[in-house]
Amino acid sequence: MRVVGVDGCRGGWIAVALDEGVHTVQAKVFARFIDILDAYPNAAAIAVDMPMGLWQSGRARMRPCDAEARKRLGNRASSIFIPPTREMLHASDYAPLREQGLSVQAYHLMPRIRELDALMTPELQTRVWESHPELSFMAITGAPIADPKRTAPGQLARIEALQRALHLDYETLNALWEACLPTARRDDLLDACALVWSALRHTQGQSEVCIGEPTHDERGLLMAIRY
């Protein structure tokens, strides 16, 4: 059985695939998300660190699942950003979106969000769903990791967590990272590895979910963060 964890990166999308039966792990950068769907058509679960299910219009505001995720993450709550509305996805300038409450971080992710939103359907979402690496690491360690992911202590803590959860040693992680250079950072790889762990435990019936009311957007897409 194959599961996949996906995170956005400079080159597009970094995907870490785990084949559970032989416990082999591979990492690769894809320019388009649809290429991931084509590469892993039989994946049992694909966990993606990108919003799925959006408010249609109005000011940028948290979805119920975002609010629940922030509550669970405590001092790491800021890693959950407020996503754009679907109408915002076609904007070409940040200035009016800033006035509507959208952060610059969310604005820079809009090409990835727009790409994913164009592909997603309720049927596809049964196996391709939104996740978040900070929630995954919290589930692995029992508490949110205090240090940011781009600091040396933060990366060390995340590597140690992955060693426990997926039995990935430094040599394997370095080989995976080298396979994704120069279009992905080390923290992108670590995040994707955490997501593939969440995808695996979902297939085992052990995943947790942040959700609230309403549960679906106007297109019928689930607004939930599963980890």
C-alpha atoms as a PDB file:
ATOM      1  CA  MET A   1       0.000   0.000   0.000  1.00  0.00           C
ATOM      2  CA  ARG A   2       1.304   3.422  -0.962  1.00  0.00           C
ATOM      3  CA  VAL A   3       0.659   6.705   0.854  1.00  0.00           C
ATOM      4  CA  VAL A   4       1.938  10.170  -0.053  1.00  0.00           C
ATOM      5  CA  GLY A   5       2.673  13.405   1.806  1.00  0.00           C
ATOM      6  CA  VAL A   6       2.764  16.627  -0.237  1.00  0.00           C
ATOM      7  CA  ASP A   7       3.994  20.121   0.612  1.00  0.00           C
ATOM      8  CA  GLY A   8       4.329  23.203  -1.567  1.00  0.00           C
ATOM      9  CA  CYS A   9       7.890  24.240  -2.371  1.00  0.00           C
ATOM     10  CA  ARG A  10       9.819  26.612  -4.621  1.00  0.00           C
ATOM     11  CA  GLY A  11       9.784  24.157  -7.515  1.00  0.00           C
ATOM     12  CA  GLY A  12       6.087  23.360  -7.186  1.00  0.00           C
ATOM     13  CA  TRP A  13       5.220  20.441  -4.928  1.00  0.00           C
ATOM     14  CA  ILE A  14       7.446  18.066  -2.988  1.00  0.00           C
ATOM     15  CA  ALA A  15       5.955  14.594  -2.616  1.00  0.00           C
ATOM     16  CA  VAL A  16       7.201  11.880  -0.272  1.00  0.00           C
ATOM     17  CA  ALA A  17       5.817   8.441  -1.080  1.00  0.00           C
ATOM     18  CA  LEU A  18       5.916   5.532   1.354  1.00  0.00           C
ATOM     19  CA  ASP A  19       5.290   1.952   0.268  1.00  0.00           C
ATOM     20  CA  GLU A  20       4.264   0.322   3.509  1.00  0.00           C
ATOM     21  CA  GLY A  21       4.754  -3.308   2.539  1.00  0.00           C
ATOM     22  CA  VAL A  22       8.475  -2.919   1.812  1.00  0.00           C
ATOM     23  CA  HIS A  23       8.844   0.344   3.776  1.00  0.00           C
ATOM     24  CA  THR A  24      10.605   2.181   0.971  1.00  0.00           C
ATOM     25  CA  VAL A  25      10.501   5.972   0.891  1.00  0.00           C
ATOM     26  CA  GLN A  26      10.993   8.190  -2.143  1.00  0.00           C
ATOM     27  CA  ALA A  27      10.939  11.970  -2.571  1.00  0.00           C
ATOM     28  CA  LYS A  28      10.440  13.961  -5.744  1.00  0.00           C
ATOM     29  CA  VAL A  29       9.530  17.517  -6.768  1.00  0.00           C
ATOM     30  CA  PHE A  30       6.662  17.918  -9.238  1.00  0.00           C
ATOM     31  CA  ALA A  31       5.939  21.133 -11.126  1.00  0.00           C
ATOM     32  CA  ARG A  32       2.158  20.556 -11.095  1.00  0.00           C
ATOM     33  CA  PHE A  33      -0.158  18.867  -8.639  1.00  0.00           C
ATOM     34  CA  ILE A  34      -1.889  16.949 -11.388  1.00  0.00           C
ATOM     35  CA  ASP A  35       1.458  15.273 -12.089  1.00  0.00           C
ATOM     36  CA  ILE A  36       1.350  13.864  -8.553  1.00  0.00           C
ATOM     37  CA  LEU A  37      -2.101  12.404  -9.192  1.00  0.00           C
ATOM     38  CA  ASP A  38      -0.796  10.837 -12.397  1.00  0.00           C
ATOM     39  CA  ALA A  39       2.337   9.488 -10.675  1.00  0.00           C
ATOM     40  CA  TYR A  40       0.439   7.902  -7.767  1.00  0.00           C
ATOM     41  CA  PRO A  41      -2.966   6.888  -9.174  1.00  0.00           C
ATOM     42  CA  ASN A  42      -3.389   4.053  -6.689  1.00  0.00           C
ATOM     43  CA  ALA A  43      -2.241   5.849  -3.539  1.00  0.00           C
ATOM     44  CA  ALA A  44      -4.528   4.998  -0.646  1.00  0.00           C
ATOM     45  CA  ALA A  45      -4.135   8.461   0.899  1.00  0.00           C
ATOM     46  CA  ILE A  46      -2.467  11.718  -0.169  1.00  0.00           C
ATOM     47  CA  ALA A  47      -2.073  14.272   2.625  1.00  0.00           C
ATOM     48  CA  VAL A  48      -1.479  17.839   1.385  1.00  0.00           C
ATOM     49  CA  ASP A  49      -0.389  20.929   3.301  1.00  0.00           C
ATOM     50  CA  MET A  50      -2.618  23.366   1.444  1.00  0.00           C
ATOM     51  CA  PRO A  51      -6.166  24.613   2.111  1.00  0.00           C
ATOM     52  CA  MET A  52      -9.013  22.645   0.548  1.00  0.00           C
ATOM     53  CA  GLY A  53     -12.541  23.896   0.874  1.00  0.00           C
ATOM     54  CA  LEU A  54     -12.754  27.691   0.831  1.00  0.00           C
ATOM     55  CA  TRP A  55     -15.165  30.457   1.647  1.00  0.00           C
ATOM     56  CA  GLN A  56     -16.560  31.703  -1.647  1.00  0.00           C
ATOM     57  CA  SER A  57     -16.321  35.460  -1.095  1.00  0.00           C
ATOM     58  CA  GLY A  58     -15.998  38.287   1.428  1.00  0.00           C
ATOM     59  CA  ARG A  59     -13.092  39.182   3.652  1.00  0.00           C
ATOM     60  CA  ALA A  60     -10.378  36.639   4.422  1.00  0.00           C
ATOM     61  CA  ARG A  61     -11.438  34.814   7.567  1.00  0.00           C
ATOM     62  CA  MET A  62     -10.689  31.597   9.362  1.00  0.00           C
ATOM     63  CA  ARG A  63     -12.589  28.487   8.495  1.00  0.00           C
ATOM     64  CA  PRO A  64     -13.882  26.512  11.507  1.00  0.00           C
ATOM     65  CA  CYS A  65     -11.167  23.893  10.940  1.00  0.00           C
ATOM     66  CA  ASP A  66      -8.481  26.629  11.049  1.00  0.00           C
ATOM     67  CA  ALA A  67      -9.773  27.898  14.379  1.00  0.00           C
ATOM     68  CA  GLU A  68      -9.779  24.377  15.838  1.00  0.00           C
ATOM     69  CA  ALA A  69      -6.267  23.683  14.531  1.00  0.00           C
ATOM     70  CA  ARG A  70      -4.957  26.903  16.092  1.00  0.00           C
ATOM     71  CA  LYS A  71      -6.505  25.947  19.407  1.00  0.00           C
ATOM     72  CA  ARG A  72      -4.778  22.554  19.378  1.00  0.00           C
ATOM     73  CA  LEU A  73      -1.379  23.972  18.381  1.00  0.00           C
ATOM     74  CA  GLY A  74      -1.156  26.544  21.162  1.00  0.00           C
ATOM     75  CA  ASN A  75       2.071  28.527  20.777  1.00  0.00           C
ATOM     76  CA  ARG A  76       2.476  27.187  17.227  1.00  0.00           C
ATOM     77  CA  ALA A  77      -0.952  28.520  16.229  1.00  0.00           C
ATOM     78  CA  SER A  78       0.549  31.128  13.900  1.00  0.00           C
ATOM     79  CA  SER A  79       1.592  28.347  11.516  1.00  0.00           C
ATOM     80  CA  ILE A  80      -2.099  28.068  10.548  1.00  0.00           C
ATOM     81  CA  PHE A  81      -2.705  30.971   8.168  1.00  0.00           C
ATOM     82  CA  ILE A  82      -6.075  32.342   7.083  1.00  0.00           C
ATOM     83  CA  PRO A  83      -6.674  31.187   3.484  1.00  0.00           C
ATOM     84  CA  PRO A  84      -8.002  33.384   0.690  1.00  0.00           C
ATOM     85  CA  THR A  85     -11.588  33.173  -0.463  1.00  0.00           C
ATOM     86  CA  ARG A  86     -12.249  31.573  -3.830  1.00  0.00           C
ATOM     87  CA  GLU A  87     -12.931  34.968  -5.385  1.00  0.00           C
ATOM     88  CA  MET A  88      -9.507  36.205  -4.255  1.00  0.00           C
ATOM     89  CA  LEU A  89      -7.702  33.459  -6.158  1.00  0.00           C
ATOM     90  CA  HIS A  90      -7.878  35.399  -9.419  1.00  0.00           C
ATOM     91  CA  ALA A  91      -6.478  38.678  -8.086  1.00  0.00           C
ATOM     92  CA  SER A  92      -3.266  39.945  -9.678  1.00  0.00           C
ATOM     93  CA  ASP A  93      -2.318  42.491  -7.016  1.00  0.00           C
ATOM     94  CA  TYR A  94      -1.874  42.143  -3.268  1.00  0.00           C
ATOM     95  CA  ALA A  95      -2.928  45.661  -2.209  1.00  0.00           C
ATOM     96  CA  PRO A  96      -6.731  45.150  -2.360  1.00  0.00           C
ATOM     97  CA  LEU A  97      -6.405  41.738  -0.732  1.00  0.00           C
ATOM     98  CA  ARG A  98      -4.421  43.192   2.159  1.00  0.00           C
ATOM     99  CA  GLU A  99      -7.349  45.538   2.775  1.00  0.00           C
ATOM    100  CA  GLN A 100      -9.577  42.452   2.914  1.00  0.00           C
ATOM    101  CA  GLY A 101      -7.467  40.862   5.646  1.00  0.00           C
ATOM    102  CA  LEU A 102      -5.279  38.497   3.624  1.00  0.00           C
ATOM    103  CA  SER A 103      -1.698  38.033   4.844  1.00  0.00           C
ATOM    104  CA  VAL A 104       1.233  38.325   2.463  1.00  0.00           C
ATOM    105  CA  GLN A 105       2.116  34.699   3.292  1.00  0.00           C
ATOM    106  CA  ALA A 106      -1.288  33.537   2.074  1.00  0.00           C
ATOM    107  CA  TYR A 107      -1.004  35.754  -1.016  1.00  0.00           C
ATOM    108  CA  HIS A 108       2.258  34.101  -2.077  1.00  0.00           C
ATOM    109  CA  LEU A 109       0.629  30.677  -1.753  1.00  0.00           C
ATOM    110  CA  MET A 110      -2.334  31.604  -3.943  1.00  0.00           C
ATOM    111  CA  PRO A 111      -0.951  30.019  -7.156  1.00  0.00           C
ATOM    112  CA  ARG A 112      -0.700  26.675  -5.344  1.00  0.00           C
ATOM    113  CA  ILE A 113      -4.135  27.090  -3.738  1.00  0.00           C
ATOM    114  CA  ARG A 114      -5.679  28.074  -7.085  1.00  0.00           C
ATOM    115  CA  GLU A 115      -4.102  25.083  -8.812  1.00  0.00           C
ATOM    116  CA  LEU A 116      -5.361  22.672  -6.173  1.00  0.00           C
ATOM    117  CA  ASP A 117      -8.833  24.211  -6.002  1.00  0.00           C
ATOM    118  CA  ALA A 118      -9.286  23.777  -9.760  1.00  0.00           C
ATOM    119  CA  LEU A 119      -8.622  20.039  -9.428  1.00  0.00           C
ATOM    120  CA  MET A 120     -10.460  19.125  -6.253  1.00  0.00           C
ATOM    121  CA  THR A 121     -13.835  17.408  -6.224  1.00  0.00           C
ATOM    122  CA  PRO A 122     -15.702  15.785  -3.336  1.00  0.00           C
ATOM    123  CA  GLU A 123     -14.919  12.382  -4.876  1.00  0.00           C
ATOM    124  CA  LEU A 124     -11.187  13.072  -5.150  1.00  0.00           C
ATOM    125  CA  GLN A 125     -11.179  14.434  -1.616  1.00  0.00           C
ATOM    126  CA  THR A 126     -11.963  10.993  -0.228  1.00  0.00           C
ATOM    127  CA  ARG A 127      -8.289  10.104  -0.733  1.00  0.00           C
ATOM    128  CA  VAL A 128      -6.624  13.502  -1.288  1.00  0.00           C
ATOM    129  CA  TRP A 129      -7.166  15.646   1.771  1.00  0.00           C
ATOM    130  CA  GLU A 130      -5.838  18.658   3.648  1.00  0.00           C
ATOM    131  CA  SER A 131      -3.326  18.129   6.432  1.00  0.00           C
ATOM    132  CA  HIS A 132      -0.776  20.218   8.319  1.00  0.00           C
ATOM    133  CA  PRO A 133       2.750  19.178   9.329  1.00  0.00           C
ATOM    134  CA  GLU A 134       2.733  21.008  12.671  1.00  0.00           C
ATOM    135  CA  LEU A 135      -0.313  18.968  13.679  1.00  0.00           C
ATOM    136  CA  SER A 136       1.431  15.824  12.434  1.00  0.00           C
ATOM    137  CA  PHE A 137       4.547  16.543  14.490  1.00  0.00           C
ATOM    138  CA  MET A 138       2.369  17.310  17.510  1.00  0.00           C
ATOM    139  CA  ALA A 139       0.699  13.912  17.138  1.00  0.00           C
ATOM    140  CA  ILE A 140       4.087  12.210  16.896  1.00  0.00           C
ATOM    141  CA  THR A 141       5.688  13.920  19.906  1.00  0.00           C
ATOM    142  CA  GLY A 142       2.631  14.500  22.092  1.00  0.00           C
ATOM    143  CA  ALA A 143       2.989  18.298  22.089  1.00  0.00           C
ATOM    144  CA  PRO A 144       3.617  21.088  19.561  1.00  0.00           C
ATOM    145  CA  ILE A 145       7.310  21.476  18.705  1.00  0.00           C
ATOM    146  CA  ALA A 146       8.363  24.753  20.295  1.00  0.00           C
ATOM    147  CA  ASP A 147      11.124  25.827  17.909  1.00  0.00           C
ATOM    148  CA  PRO A 148      10.304  27.100  14.381  1.00  0.00           C
ATOM    149  CA  LYS A 149      11.024  24.669  11.574  1.00  0.00           C
ATOM    150  CA  ARG A 150      13.742  26.757   9.916  1.00  0.00           C
ATOM    151  CA  THR A 151      15.909  26.984  13.020  1.00  0.00           C
ATOM    152  CA  ALA A 152      18.597  24.409  13.817  1.00  0.00           C
ATOM    153  CA  PRO A 153      16.871  23.265  17.059  1.00  0.00           C
ATOM    154  CA  GLY A 154      13.538  23.107  15.246  1.00  0.00           C
ATOM    155  CA  GLN A 155      14.906  20.937  12.452  1.00  0.00           C
ATOM    156  CA  LEU A 156      16.694  18.667  14.912  1.00  0.00           C
ATOM    157  CA  ALA A 157      13.485  18.154  16.894  1.00  0.00           C
ATOM    158  CA  ARG A 158      11.575  17.332  13.718  1.00  0.00           C
ATOM    159  CA  ILE A 159      14.253  14.926  12.472  1.00  0.00           C
ATOM    160  CA  GLU A 160      14.216  13.105  15.820  1.00  0.00           C
ATOM    161  CA  ALA A 161      10.418  12.874  15.628  1.00  0.00           C
ATOM    162  CA  LEU A 162      10.589  11.362  12.134  1.00  0.00           C
ATOM    163  CA  GLN A 163      13.232   8.886  13.268  1.00  0.00           C
ATOM    164  CA  ARG A 164      10.774   7.604  15.867  1.00  0.00           C
ATOM    165  CA  ALA A 165       7.694   7.672  13.654  1.00  0.00           C
ATOM    166  CA  LEU A 166       9.070   6.456  10.318  1.00  0.00           C
ATOM    167  CA  HIS A 167      12.501   5.051  11.301  1.00  0.00           C
ATOM    168  CA  LEU A 168      14.221   7.494   8.930  1.00  0.00           C
ATOM    169  CA  ASP A 169      17.888   7.967   9.791  1.00  0.00           C
ATOM    170  CA  TYR A 170      20.045  10.966   8.843  1.00  0.00           C
ATOM    171  CA  GLU A 171      21.534   9.172   5.846  1.00  0.00           C
ATOM    172  CA  THR A 172      18.111   8.403   4.396  1.00  0.00           C
ATOM    173  CA  LEU A 173      16.803  11.914   5.026  1.00  0.00           C
ATOM    174  CA  ASN A 174      19.869  13.448   3.393  1.00  0.00           C
ATOM    175  CA  ALA A 175      19.451  11.197   0.348  1.00  0.00           C
ATOM    176  CA  LEU A 176      15.791  12.201   0.060  1.00  0.00           C
ATOM    177  CA  TRP A 177      16.693  15.878   0.338  1.00  0.00           C
ATOM    178  CA  GLU A 178      19.444  15.622  -2.278  1.00  0.00           C
ATOM    179  CA  ALA A 179      16.898  14.092  -4.656  1.00  0.00           C
ATOM    180  CA  CYS A 180      14.842  17.286  -4.367  1.00  0.00           C
ATOM    181  CA  LEU A 181      17.611  19.877  -4.749  1.00  0.00           C
ATOM    182  CA  PRO A 182      17.698  22.701  -5.723  1.00  0.00           C
ATOM    183  CA  THR A 183      13.948  23.322  -5.788  1.00  0.00           C
ATOM    184  CA  ALA A 184      13.011  22.360  -2.222  1.00  0.00           C
ATOM    185  CA  ARG A 185      14.346  23.288   1.209  1.00  0.00           C
ATOM    186  CA  ARG A 186      15.155  20.814   3.949  1.00  0.00           C
ATOM    187  CA  ASP A 187      12.155  21.951   6.001  1.00  0.00           C
ATOM    188  CA  ASP A 188       9.891  21.274   2.978  1.00  0.00           C
ATOM    189  CA  LEU A 189      11.118  17.676   2.996  1.00  0.00           C
ATOM    190  CA  LEU A 190      10.636  17.296   6.741  1.00  0.00           C
ATOM    191  CA  ASP A 191       7.089  18.631   6.435  1.00  0.00           C
ATOM    192  CA  ALA A 192       6.273  16.234   3.596  1.00  0.00           C
ATOM    193  CA  CYS A 193       7.652  13.332   5.661  1.00  0.00           C
ATOM    194  CA  ALA A 194       5.403  14.296   8.573  1.00  0.00           C
ATOM    195  CA  LEU A 195       2.444  14.389   6.192  1.00  0.00           C
ATOM    196  CA  VAL A 196       3.190  10.929   4.815  1.00  0.00           C
ATOM    197  CA  TRP A 197       3.147   9.654   8.407  1.00  0.00           C
ATOM    198  CA  SER A 198      -0.319  11.179   8.846  1.00  0.00           C
ATOM    199  CA  ALA A 199      -1.450   9.616   5.563  1.00  0.00           C
ATOM    200  CA  LEU A 200      -0.219   6.227   6.791  1.00  0.00           C
ATOM    201  CA  ARG A 201      -1.940   6.414  10.135  1.00  0.00           C
ATOM    202  CA  HIS A 202      -5.142   7.539   8.409  1.00  0.00           C
ATOM    203  CA  THR A 203      -5.194   4.246   6.497  1.00  0.00           C
ATOM    204  CA  GLN A 204      -4.863   2.513   9.861  1.00  0.00           C
ATOM    205  CA  GLY A 205      -7.915   4.309  11.245  1.00  0.00           C
ATOM    206  CA  GLN A 206      -5.879   6.378  13.717  1.00  0.00           C
ATOM    207  CA  SER A 207      -5.965   9.900  12.266  1.00  0.00           C
ATOM    208  CA  GLU A 208      -7.476  12.889  14.052  1.00  0.00           C
ATOM    209  CA  VAL A 209      -9.347  15.757  12.444  1.00  0.00           C
ATOM    210  CA  CYS A 210      -9.981  19.466  12.984  1.00  0.00           C
ATOM    211  CA  ILE A 211     -13.462  20.340  11.747  1.00  0.00           C
ATOM    212  CA  GLY A 212     -16.403  22.553  12.632  1.00  0.00           C
ATOM    213  CA  GLU A 213     -19.612  24.001  11.237  1.00  0.00           C
ATOM    214  CA  PRO A 214     -20.167  24.391   8.381  1.00  0.00           C
ATOM    215  CA  THR A 215     -18.297  21.282   7.362  1.00  0.00           C
ATOM    216  CA  HIS A 216     -18.406  21.907   3.583  1.00  0.00           C
ATOM    217  CA  ASP A 217     -17.958  24.873   1.277  1.00  0.00           C
ATOM    218  CA  GLU A 218     -20.340  25.971  -1.485  1.00  0.00           C
ATOM    219  CA  ARG A 219     -18.839  23.456  -3.935  1.00  0.00           C
ATOM    220  CA  GLY A 220     -19.306  20.584  -1.524  1.00  0.00           C
ATOM    221  CA  LEU A 221     -15.613  20.336  -0.606  1.00  0.00           C
ATOM    222  CA  LEU A 222     -14.904  19.295   2.961  1.00  0.00           C
ATOM    223  CA  MET A 223     -13.317  21.979   5.148  1.00  0.00           C
ATOM    224  CA  ALA A 224     -11.259  19.819   7.499  1.00  0.00           C
ATOM    225  CA  ILE A 225      -7.619  19.316   8.476  1.00  0.00           C
ATOM    226  CA  ARG A 226      -6.796  15.669   9.058  1.00  0.00           C
ATOM    227  CA  TYR A 227      -3.620  14.471  10.728  1.00  0.00           C
END
